[in-house]
Amino acid sequence: LPVPDGETAPPAVVWFSTPVRPGEIVMVHGGNWSMDALVAVEAMGNGETGKPALGATPEITSRVEVLPLSIRRNCISFHFPRNLEPGAVRCRIVDAGRTSKPFVLNEPDVWWFQGDGGQQASPGGWLGVFGRCLSSDGNARLALKRGNKTTPVALESQDQWSLRAGLPDGL
């Protein structure tokens, strides 16, 4: 988008490393920041199932500004704060009063599903969900939604990359 005369475009983020855990290093690629940029990190509450960015405004449980470890023309790296719990955090690059659009680290991202019938899952069968950032702490939740009806489903196994659930017989 064009920037009005006399104004400077805000920092822009085009890619970031995820999943990350407290104490690990996050890499952010983009640009339009100076050597004085900071990273604003907001821990998000554990709300409804689904992608936090798609729901209502998330509950912010804590905020911290992080000094980057390294700043380059197109890359900023910083430590994921050790005092935050594993899970989704909303971040922004802040530089001289300009702020990037938010990006969410550790946001669940489903890539595909597999059922006991291949592309389908049967009552009493099983469902596998595959993607990235699906369970950061072993407390992921899975729910099936159809219209206004939501059916929680118990997970048999879970990790960062997959969830597996047995489906109720009466589903």
N, C-alpha and C. Protein backbone atom coordinates (compact mmCIF):
# COMPACT_ATOMS: atom_id res chain seq x y z
N LEU A 1 0.83 -1.18 0.00
CA LEU A 1 0.00 0.00 0.00
C LEU A 1 0.88 1.25 0.00
N PRO A 2 0.47 2.29 -0.70
CA PRO A 2 1.25 3.52 -0.69
C PRO A 2 1.22 4.18 0.69
N VAL A 3 2.30 4.84 1.03
CA VAL A 3 2.41 5.55 2.30
C VAL A 3 2.29 7.04 2.00
N PRO A 4 1.43 7.78 2.75
CA PRO A 4 1.29 9.22 2.50
C PRO A 4 2.63 9.94 2.63
N ASP A 5 2.79 11.03 1.88
CA ASP A 5 4.03 11.83 1.93
C ASP A 5 4.35 12.23 3.36
N GLY A 6 5.62 12.16 3.73
CA GLY A 6 6.06 12.56 5.05
C GLY A 6 5.90 11.49 6.11
N GLU A 7 5.27 10.38 5.79
CA GLU A 7 5.10 9.30 6.76
C GLU A 7 6.00 8.14 6.37
N THR A 8 6.35 7.34 7.35
CA THR A 8 7.17 6.16 7.14
C THR A 8 6.32 4.93 7.38
N ALA A 9 6.44 3.95 6.51
CA ALA A 9 5.67 2.73 6.65
C ALA A 9 6.06 2.01 7.94
N PRO A 10 5.12 1.33 8.56
CA PRO A 10 5.43 0.58 9.78
C PRO A 10 6.29 -0.65 9.47
N PRO A 11 6.91 -1.23 10.49
CA PRO A 11 7.64 -2.48 10.28
C PRO A 11 6.69 -3.53 9.70
N ALA A 12 7.23 -4.40 8.86
CA ALA A 12 6.43 -5.45 8.23
C ALA A 12 7.06 -6.80 8.51
N VAL A 13 6.22 -7.77 8.85
CA VAL A 13 6.66 -9.14 9.13
C VAL A 13 6.11 -10.04 8.03
N VAL A 14 6.99 -10.84 7.40
CA VAL A 14 6.54 -11.75 6.35
C VAL A 14 6.71 -13.22 6.72
N TRP A 15 7.54 -13.53 7.72
CA TRP A 15 7.74 -14.92 8.16
C TRP A 15 8.33 -14.89 9.57
N PHE A 16 8.02 -15.93 10.36
CA PHE A 16 8.60 -16.07 11.70
C PHE A 16 8.68 -17.55 12.04
N SER A 17 9.68 -17.89 12.86
CA SER A 17 9.86 -19.29 13.24
C SER A 17 8.86 -19.67 14.33
N THR A 18 8.29 -20.83 14.19
CA THR A 18 7.35 -21.36 15.15
C THR A 18 7.23 -22.85 14.88
N PRO A 19 7.07 -23.73 15.83
CA PRO A 19 6.84 -23.49 17.25
C PRO A 19 8.12 -23.12 17.98
N VAL A 20 7.94 -22.40 19.09
CA VAL A 20 9.04 -22.04 19.97
C VAL A 20 8.58 -22.18 21.41
N ARG A 21 9.53 -22.47 22.29
CA ARG A 21 9.24 -22.64 23.72
C ARG A 21 10.00 -21.57 24.49
N PRO A 22 9.62 -21.33 25.73
CA PRO A 22 10.33 -20.35 26.54
C PRO A 22 11.84 -20.61 26.53
N GLY A 23 12.61 -19.53 26.31
CA GLY A 23 14.06 -19.61 26.26
C GLY A 23 14.63 -19.87 24.88
N GLU A 24 13.81 -20.32 23.94
CA GLU A 24 14.30 -20.56 22.59
C GLU A 24 14.33 -19.26 21.80
N ILE A 25 15.08 -19.28 20.71
CA ILE A 25 15.24 -18.08 19.87
C ILE A 25 14.20 -18.07 18.75
N VAL A 26 13.58 -16.93 18.56
CA VAL A 26 12.59 -16.70 17.50
C VAL A 26 13.27 -15.87 16.42
N MET A 27 13.09 -16.25 15.16
CA MET A 27 13.56 -15.45 14.03
C MET A 27 12.36 -14.84 13.33
N VAL A 28 12.47 -13.56 13.01
CA VAL A 28 11.41 -12.83 12.31
C VAL A 28 12.01 -12.22 11.06
N HIS A 29 11.42 -12.51 9.90
CA HIS A 29 11.88 -11.91 8.65
C HIS A 29 10.86 -10.88 8.19
N GLY A 30 11.36 -9.82 7.65
CA GLY A 30 10.53 -8.73 7.16
C GLY A 30 11.41 -7.52 6.92
N GLY A 31 10.97 -6.37 7.40
CA GLY A 31 11.80 -5.19 7.22
C GLY A 31 11.12 -3.92 7.66
N ASN A 32 11.77 -2.83 7.32
CA ASN A 32 11.34 -1.48 7.64
C ASN A 32 11.42 -1.21 9.15
N TRP A 33 12.52 -1.67 9.75
CA TRP A 33 12.78 -1.37 11.15
C TRP A 33 14.20 -0.86 11.30
N SER A 34 14.47 -0.21 12.42
CA SER A 34 15.81 0.32 12.67
C SER A 34 16.53 -0.58 13.68
N MET A 35 17.75 -0.20 14.01
CA MET A 35 18.54 -0.95 14.99
C MET A 35 18.02 -0.75 16.42
N ASP A 36 17.01 0.11 16.60
CA ASP A 36 16.43 0.37 17.92
C ASP A 36 15.10 -0.34 18.13
N ALA A 37 14.71 -1.21 17.22
CA ALA A 37 13.41 -1.88 17.32
C ALA A 37 13.35 -2.78 18.56
N LEU A 38 12.13 -2.96 19.06
CA LEU A 38 11.83 -3.87 20.17
C LEU A 38 10.77 -4.85 19.70
N VAL A 39 10.56 -5.91 20.47
CA VAL A 39 9.49 -6.86 20.18
C VAL A 39 8.54 -6.84 21.36
N ALA A 40 7.29 -6.48 21.13
CA ALA A 40 6.25 -6.53 22.15
C ALA A 40 5.63 -7.92 22.11
N VAL A 41 5.64 -8.61 23.25
CA VAL A 41 5.14 -9.98 23.34
C VAL A 41 3.99 -10.01 24.34
N GLU A 42 2.85 -10.57 23.92
CA GLU A 42 1.67 -10.67 24.78
C GLU A 42 1.23 -12.13 24.87
N ALA A 43 1.25 -12.67 26.09
CA ALA A 43 0.77 -14.04 26.30
C ALA A 43 -0.75 -14.04 26.20
N MET A 44 -1.29 -15.03 25.49
CA MET A 44 -2.73 -15.10 25.28
C MET A 44 -3.32 -16.20 26.16
N GLY A 45 -4.50 -15.94 26.71
CA GLY A 45 -5.19 -16.92 27.54
C GLY A 45 -5.60 -18.13 26.74
N ASN A 46 -5.90 -19.20 27.43
CA ASN A 46 -6.28 -20.47 26.82
C ASN A 46 -7.79 -20.49 26.64
N GLY A 47 -8.26 -19.92 25.53
CA GLY A 47 -9.70 -19.74 25.31
C GLY A 47 -10.34 -20.90 24.56
N GLU A 48 -11.27 -20.56 23.69
CA GLU A 48 -12.01 -21.55 22.92
C GLU A 48 -11.09 -22.35 22.00
N THR A 49 -11.54 -23.53 21.59
CA THR A 49 -10.78 -24.30 20.62
C THR A 49 -10.76 -23.56 19.30
N GLY A 50 -9.72 -23.76 18.52
CA GLY A 50 -9.59 -23.10 17.23
C GLY A 50 -8.37 -22.23 17.19
N LYS A 51 -8.23 -21.47 16.13
CA LYS A 51 -7.08 -20.59 15.96
C LYS A 51 -7.34 -19.30 16.73
N PRO A 52 -6.44 -18.93 17.66
CA PRO A 52 -6.66 -17.72 18.45
C PRO A 52 -6.89 -16.48 17.61
N ALA A 53 -6.20 -16.33 16.50
CA ALA A 53 -6.33 -15.12 15.69
C ALA A 53 -7.71 -15.02 15.03
N LEU A 54 -8.42 -16.14 14.88
CA LEU A 54 -9.72 -16.11 14.21
C LEU A 54 -10.87 -15.86 15.16
N GLY A 55 -10.64 -16.01 16.47
CA GLY A 55 -11.69 -15.83 17.45
C GLY A 55 -11.87 -14.38 17.82
N ALA A 56 -12.61 -14.17 18.89
CA ALA A 56 -12.80 -12.82 19.42
C ALA A 56 -11.45 -12.31 19.94
N THR A 57 -11.42 -11.07 20.36
CA THR A 57 -10.20 -10.50 20.89
C THR A 57 -9.68 -11.40 22.01
N PRO A 58 -8.43 -11.87 21.90
CA PRO A 58 -7.93 -12.82 22.90
C PRO A 58 -7.69 -12.16 24.25
N GLU A 59 -7.81 -12.96 25.29
CA GLU A 59 -7.48 -12.50 26.64
C GLU A 59 -5.96 -12.42 26.72
N ILE A 60 -5.44 -11.27 27.08
CA ILE A 60 -3.99 -11.09 27.23
C ILE A 60 -3.66 -11.26 28.70
N THR A 61 -2.83 -12.25 29.03
CA THR A 61 -2.52 -12.54 30.43
C THR A 61 -1.25 -11.86 30.91
N SER A 62 -0.35 -11.47 30.01
CA SER A 62 0.84 -10.71 30.39
C SER A 62 1.44 -10.08 29.15
N ARG A 63 2.18 -8.99 29.37
CA ARG A 63 2.86 -8.26 28.29
C ARG A 63 4.30 -8.01 28.69
N VAL A 64 5.20 -8.07 27.72
CA VAL A 64 6.60 -7.76 27.97
C VAL A 64 7.22 -7.23 26.68
N GLU A 65 8.15 -6.27 26.81
CA GLU A 65 8.92 -5.82 25.66
C GLU A 65 10.27 -6.50 25.72
N VAL A 66 10.70 -7.06 24.60
CA VAL A 66 11.92 -7.85 24.53
C VAL A 66 12.93 -7.14 23.65
N LEU A 67 14.15 -7.01 24.15
CA LEU A 67 15.25 -6.48 23.35
C LEU A 67 15.73 -7.58 22.42
N PRO A 68 15.83 -7.32 21.13
CA PRO A 68 16.31 -8.35 20.20
C PRO A 68 17.76 -8.76 20.50
N LEU A 69 18.08 -10.00 20.18
CA LEU A 69 19.46 -10.49 20.25
C LEU A 69 20.24 -9.95 19.06
N SER A 70 19.56 -9.85 17.93
CA SER A 70 20.20 -9.43 16.69
C SER A 70 19.17 -8.71 15.83
N ILE A 71 19.61 -7.62 15.21
CA ILE A 71 18.76 -6.90 14.26
C ILE A 71 19.56 -6.72 12.98
N ARG A 72 18.99 -7.18 11.89
CA ARG A 72 19.56 -6.98 10.56
C ARG A 72 18.50 -6.29 9.71
N ARG A 73 18.87 -5.90 8.52
CA ARG A 73 17.95 -5.21 7.62
C ARG A 73 16.64 -5.98 7.43
N ASN A 74 16.73 -7.30 7.33
CA ASN A 74 15.53 -8.10 7.05
C ASN A 74 15.29 -9.21 8.07
N CYS A 75 15.95 -9.17 9.23
CA CYS A 75 15.78 -10.24 10.22
C CYS A 75 16.00 -9.71 11.63
N ILE A 76 15.09 -10.06 12.51
CA ILE A 76 15.24 -9.79 13.94
C ILE A 76 15.17 -11.14 14.65
N SER A 77 16.07 -11.36 15.61
CA SER A 77 15.98 -12.57 16.43
C SER A 77 15.88 -12.14 17.89
N PHE A 78 15.09 -12.90 18.66
CA PHE A 78 14.90 -12.59 20.08
C PHE A 78 14.58 -13.88 20.84
N HIS A 79 14.83 -13.86 22.15
CA HIS A 79 14.46 -15.00 23.00
C HIS A 79 12.97 -14.94 23.31
N PHE A 80 12.31 -16.09 23.17
CA PHE A 80 10.94 -16.23 23.68
C PHE A 80 11.08 -16.11 25.19
N PRO A 81 10.39 -15.17 25.84
CA PRO A 81 10.61 -14.93 27.27
C PRO A 81 10.46 -16.20 28.11
N ARG A 82 11.45 -16.45 28.96
CA ARG A 82 11.45 -17.63 29.83
C ARG A 82 10.33 -17.61 30.86
N ASN A 83 9.86 -16.42 31.22
CA ASN A 83 8.83 -16.33 32.25
C ASN A 83 7.42 -16.55 31.71
N LEU A 84 7.27 -16.78 30.41
CA LEU A 84 5.96 -17.07 29.83
C LEU A 84 5.74 -18.57 29.75
N GLU A 85 4.50 -18.98 29.91
CA GLU A 85 4.13 -20.37 29.75
C GLU A 85 4.21 -20.75 28.26
N PRO A 86 4.45 -22.03 27.96
CA PRO A 86 4.38 -22.44 26.55
C PRO A 86 2.97 -22.16 26.01
N GLY A 87 2.88 -21.81 24.77
CA GLY A 87 1.57 -21.55 24.18
C GLY A 87 1.61 -20.37 23.24
N ALA A 88 0.42 -19.97 22.80
CA ALA A 88 0.30 -18.90 21.81
C ALA A 88 0.61 -17.54 22.43
N VAL A 89 1.40 -16.76 21.71
CA VAL A 89 1.70 -15.38 22.10
C VAL A 89 1.56 -14.48 20.87
N ARG A 90 1.00 -13.30 21.09
CA ARG A 90 0.85 -12.31 20.03
C ARG A 90 2.03 -11.36 20.12
N CYS A 91 2.68 -11.09 18.99
CA CYS A 91 3.87 -10.24 18.96
C CYS A 91 3.70 -9.12 17.94
N ARG A 92 4.46 -8.04 18.18
CA ARG A 92 4.53 -6.92 17.24
C ARG A 92 5.95 -6.38 17.28
N ILE A 93 6.45 -5.91 16.16
CA ILE A 93 7.72 -5.19 16.12
C ILE A 93 7.38 -3.72 16.34
N VAL A 94 8.03 -3.10 17.31
CA VAL A 94 7.79 -1.70 17.66
C VAL A 94 9.07 -0.92 17.40
N ASP A 95 8.94 0.18 16.64
CA ASP A 95 10.13 0.95 16.28
C ASP A 95 9.74 2.42 16.06
N ALA A 96 10.26 3.29 16.91
CA ALA A 96 10.06 4.75 16.77
C ALA A 96 8.59 5.13 16.61
N GLY A 97 7.74 4.56 17.45
CA GLY A 97 6.32 4.88 17.41
C GLY A 97 5.54 4.17 16.32
N ARG A 98 6.22 3.37 15.52
CA ARG A 98 5.56 2.60 14.47
C ARG A 98 5.48 1.14 14.94
N THR A 99 4.39 0.48 14.61
CA THR A 99 4.17 -0.87 15.08
C THR A 99 3.72 -1.77 13.92
N SER A 100 4.30 -2.96 13.85
CA SER A 100 3.89 -3.91 12.81
C SER A 100 2.50 -4.46 13.11
N LYS A 101 1.90 -5.08 12.13
CA LYS A 101 0.68 -5.85 12.37
C LYS A 101 1.06 -7.01 13.30
N PRO A 102 0.13 -7.47 14.13
CA PRO A 102 0.48 -8.57 15.04
C PRO A 102 0.71 -9.88 14.30
N PHE A 103 1.59 -10.70 14.86
CA PHE A 103 1.78 -12.06 14.38
C PHE A 103 1.74 -12.96 15.61
N VAL A 104 1.23 -14.18 15.44
CA VAL A 104 1.00 -15.07 16.58
C VAL A 104 1.95 -16.26 16.51
N LEU A 105 2.84 -16.34 17.51
CA LEU A 105 3.72 -17.50 17.64
C LEU A 105 2.93 -18.64 18.28
N ASN A 106 3.23 -19.85 17.87
CA ASN A 106 2.63 -21.06 18.44
C ASN A 106 1.12 -21.16 18.21
N GLU A 107 0.64 -20.50 17.18
CA GLU A 107 -0.78 -20.57 16.85
C GLU A 107 -1.07 -21.93 16.19
N PRO A 108 -2.09 -22.65 16.66
CA PRO A 108 -2.41 -23.93 16.02
C PRO A 108 -2.70 -23.74 14.53
N ASP A 109 -2.11 -24.60 13.71
CA ASP A 109 -2.28 -24.51 12.27
C ASP A 109 -2.51 -25.92 11.73
N VAL A 110 -3.75 -26.25 11.42
CA VAL A 110 -4.11 -27.58 10.92
C VAL A 110 -3.82 -27.66 9.43
N TRP A 111 -3.08 -28.70 9.04
CA TRP A 111 -2.74 -28.90 7.63
C TRP A 111 -3.65 -29.93 6.97
N TRP A 112 -3.99 -31.02 7.68
CA TRP A 112 -4.91 -32.00 7.13
C TRP A 112 -5.47 -32.89 8.22
N PHE A 113 -6.53 -33.64 7.85
CA PHE A 113 -7.19 -34.59 8.74
C PHE A 113 -7.11 -35.97 8.12
N GLN A 114 -7.16 -36.99 8.96
CA GLN A 114 -7.21 -38.38 8.49
C GLN A 114 -8.14 -39.11 9.44
N GLY A 115 -9.10 -39.82 8.90
CA GLY A 115 -10.02 -40.60 9.71
C GLY A 115 -9.82 -42.08 9.52
N ASP A 116 -10.54 -42.89 10.30
CA ASP A 116 -10.42 -44.35 10.16
C ASP A 116 -10.92 -44.81 8.80
N GLY A 117 -11.66 -43.97 8.09
CA GLY A 117 -12.11 -44.28 6.73
C GLY A 117 -11.39 -43.45 5.68
N GLY A 118 -10.18 -43.00 5.97
CA GLY A 118 -9.43 -42.17 5.02
C GLY A 118 -9.84 -40.72 5.17
N GLN A 119 -10.58 -40.20 4.16
CA GLN A 119 -11.04 -38.82 4.23
C GLN A 119 -12.25 -38.66 5.16
N GLN A 120 -12.76 -39.77 5.64
CA GLN A 120 -13.94 -39.76 6.51
C GLN A 120 -13.59 -40.46 7.83
N ALA A 121 -14.34 -40.11 8.86
CA ALA A 121 -14.22 -40.79 10.15
C ALA A 121 -15.60 -41.28 10.53
N SER A 122 -15.67 -42.46 11.09
CA SER A 122 -16.97 -43.05 11.41
C SER A 122 -17.27 -42.96 12.91
N PRO A 123 -18.54 -43.02 13.30
CA PRO A 123 -18.88 -43.08 14.72
C PRO A 123 -18.15 -44.26 15.37
N GLY A 124 -17.51 -44.02 16.49
CA GLY A 124 -16.73 -45.06 17.15
C GLY A 124 -15.35 -45.26 16.54
N GLY A 125 -15.04 -44.56 15.47
CA GLY A 125 -13.73 -44.67 14.80
C GLY A 125 -12.73 -43.71 15.43
N TRP A 126 -11.79 -43.27 14.60
CA TRP A 126 -10.77 -42.35 15.11
C TRP A 126 -10.55 -41.23 14.12
N LEU A 127 -9.96 -40.15 14.63
CA LEU A 127 -9.65 -38.99 13.81
C LEU A 127 -8.24 -38.54 14.17
N GLY A 128 -7.43 -38.32 13.14
CA GLY A 128 -6.10 -37.75 13.32
C GLY A 128 -6.09 -36.35 12.72
N VAL A 129 -5.48 -35.42 13.43
CA VAL A 129 -5.35 -34.04 12.98
C VAL A 129 -3.85 -33.76 12.92
N PHE A 130 -3.39 -33.22 11.79
CA PHE A 130 -1.95 -33.01 11.58
C PHE A 130 -1.69 -31.57 11.20
N GLY A 131 -0.60 -31.02 11.68
CA GLY A 131 -0.26 -29.64 11.38
C GLY A 131 0.92 -29.19 12.22
N ARG A 132 0.85 -27.96 12.69
CA ARG A 132 1.94 -27.35 13.45
C ARG A 132 1.36 -26.65 14.68
N CYS A 133 2.08 -26.72 15.78
CA CYS A 133 1.69 -26.04 17.03
C CYS A 133 0.35 -26.53 17.56
N LEU A 134 0.11 -27.82 17.46
CA LEU A 134 -1.18 -28.36 17.88
C LEU A 134 -1.25 -28.60 19.38
N SER A 135 -0.12 -28.88 20.02
CA SER A 135 -0.10 -29.07 21.48
C SER A 135 1.26 -28.66 22.00
N SER A 136 1.31 -27.58 22.76
CA SER A 136 2.60 -27.11 23.28
C SER A 136 2.87 -27.62 24.68
N ASP A 137 1.82 -28.02 25.41
CA ASP A 137 2.01 -28.39 26.81
C ASP A 137 1.28 -29.67 27.22
N GLY A 138 0.77 -30.42 26.24
CA GLY A 138 0.05 -31.65 26.55
C GLY A 138 -1.38 -31.43 27.00
N ASN A 139 -1.88 -30.18 26.87
CA ASN A 139 -3.24 -29.86 27.29
C ASN A 139 -4.10 -29.37 26.14
N ALA A 140 -3.84 -29.84 24.93
CA ALA A 140 -4.64 -29.42 23.78
C ALA A 140 -6.06 -29.95 23.93
N ARG A 141 -6.98 -29.25 23.29
CA ARG A 141 -8.38 -29.68 23.27
C ARG A 141 -8.83 -29.76 21.82
N LEU A 142 -9.71 -30.71 21.55
CA LEU A 142 -10.26 -30.88 20.21
C LEU A 142 -11.78 -30.88 20.33
N ALA A 143 -12.43 -30.15 19.44
CA ALA A 143 -13.89 -30.12 19.40
C ALA A 143 -14.33 -30.18 17.95
N LEU A 144 -15.40 -30.90 17.71
CA LEU A 144 -16.00 -30.95 16.38
C LEU A 144 -17.18 -30.01 16.38
N LYS A 145 -17.28 -29.18 15.34
CA LYS A 145 -18.37 -28.21 15.26
C LYS A 145 -19.18 -28.44 14.00
N ARG A 146 -20.49 -28.41 14.18
CA ARG A 146 -21.41 -28.51 13.05
C ARG A 146 -22.54 -27.53 13.33
N GLY A 147 -22.60 -26.48 12.55
CA GLY A 147 -23.58 -25.42 12.82
C GLY A 147 -23.29 -24.81 14.18
N ASN A 148 -24.31 -24.77 15.03
CA ASN A 148 -24.16 -24.21 16.38
C ASN A 148 -23.80 -25.27 17.41
N LYS A 149 -23.68 -26.53 17.00
CA LYS A 149 -23.39 -27.61 17.94
C LYS A 149 -21.89 -27.89 17.99
N THR A 150 -21.35 -27.91 19.20
CA THR A 150 -19.94 -28.22 19.43
C THR A 150 -19.85 -29.47 20.28
N THR A 151 -19.07 -30.45 19.81
CA THR A 151 -18.89 -31.71 20.53
C THR A 151 -17.43 -31.86 20.90
N PRO A 152 -17.10 -31.73 22.22
CA PRO A 152 -15.71 -31.98 22.64
C PRO A 152 -15.36 -33.45 22.40
N VAL A 153 -14.12 -33.70 22.01
CA VAL A 153 -13.65 -35.06 21.73
C VAL A 153 -12.39 -35.30 22.57
N ALA A 154 -12.36 -36.43 23.28
CA ALA A 154 -11.20 -36.76 24.12
C ALA A 154 -10.02 -37.17 23.25
N LEU A 155 -8.85 -36.63 23.57
CA LEU A 155 -7.64 -36.96 22.82
C LEU A 155 -6.98 -38.20 23.41
N GLU A 156 -6.54 -39.10 22.53
CA GLU A 156 -5.78 -40.29 22.94
C GLU A 156 -4.29 -40.00 22.97
N SER A 157 -3.83 -39.12 22.07
CA SER A 157 -2.42 -38.73 22.03
C SER A 157 -2.32 -37.34 21.41
N GLN A 158 -1.21 -36.66 21.74
CA GLN A 158 -1.01 -35.31 21.21
C GLN A 158 0.45 -34.93 21.31
N ASP A 159 0.89 -34.12 20.33
CA ASP A 159 2.21 -33.49 20.36
C ASP A 159 2.13 -32.24 19.49
N GLN A 160 3.27 -31.59 19.27
CA GLN A 160 3.28 -30.35 18.47
C GLN A 160 2.69 -30.55 17.08
N TRP A 161 2.82 -31.73 16.52
CA TRP A 161 2.51 -31.95 15.11
C TRP A 161 1.27 -32.77 14.85
N SER A 162 0.67 -33.39 15.88
CA SER A 162 -0.49 -34.23 15.63
C SER A 162 -1.36 -34.41 16.88
N LEU A 163 -2.64 -34.66 16.61
CA LEU A 163 -3.61 -35.02 17.64
C LEU A 163 -4.32 -36.28 17.16
N ARG A 164 -4.66 -37.17 18.07
CA ARG A 164 -5.42 -38.37 17.71
C ARG A 164 -6.54 -38.54 18.73
N ALA A 165 -7.75 -38.72 18.20
CA ALA A 165 -8.92 -38.84 19.06
C ALA A 165 -9.76 -40.03 18.66
N GLY A 166 -10.31 -40.73 19.64
CA GLY A 166 -11.34 -41.73 19.40
C GLY A 166 -12.68 -41.01 19.36
N LEU A 167 -13.54 -41.38 18.43
CA LEU A 167 -14.83 -40.70 18.29
C LEU A 167 -15.92 -41.48 19.01
N PRO A 168 -16.86 -40.77 19.64
CA PRO A 168 -17.95 -41.45 20.33
C PRO A 168 -18.81 -42.26 19.36
N ASP A 169 -19.38 -43.37 19.86
CA ASP A 169 -20.25 -44.22 19.03
C ASP A 169 -21.47 -43.48 18.51
N GLY A 170 -22.04 -42.59 19.31
CA GLY A 170 -23.27 -41.91 18.92
C GLY A 170 -23.08 -40.62 18.16
N LEU A 171 -21.88 -40.37 17.70
CA LEU A 171 -21.61 -39.11 17.01
C LEU A 171 -22.30 -39.07 15.66
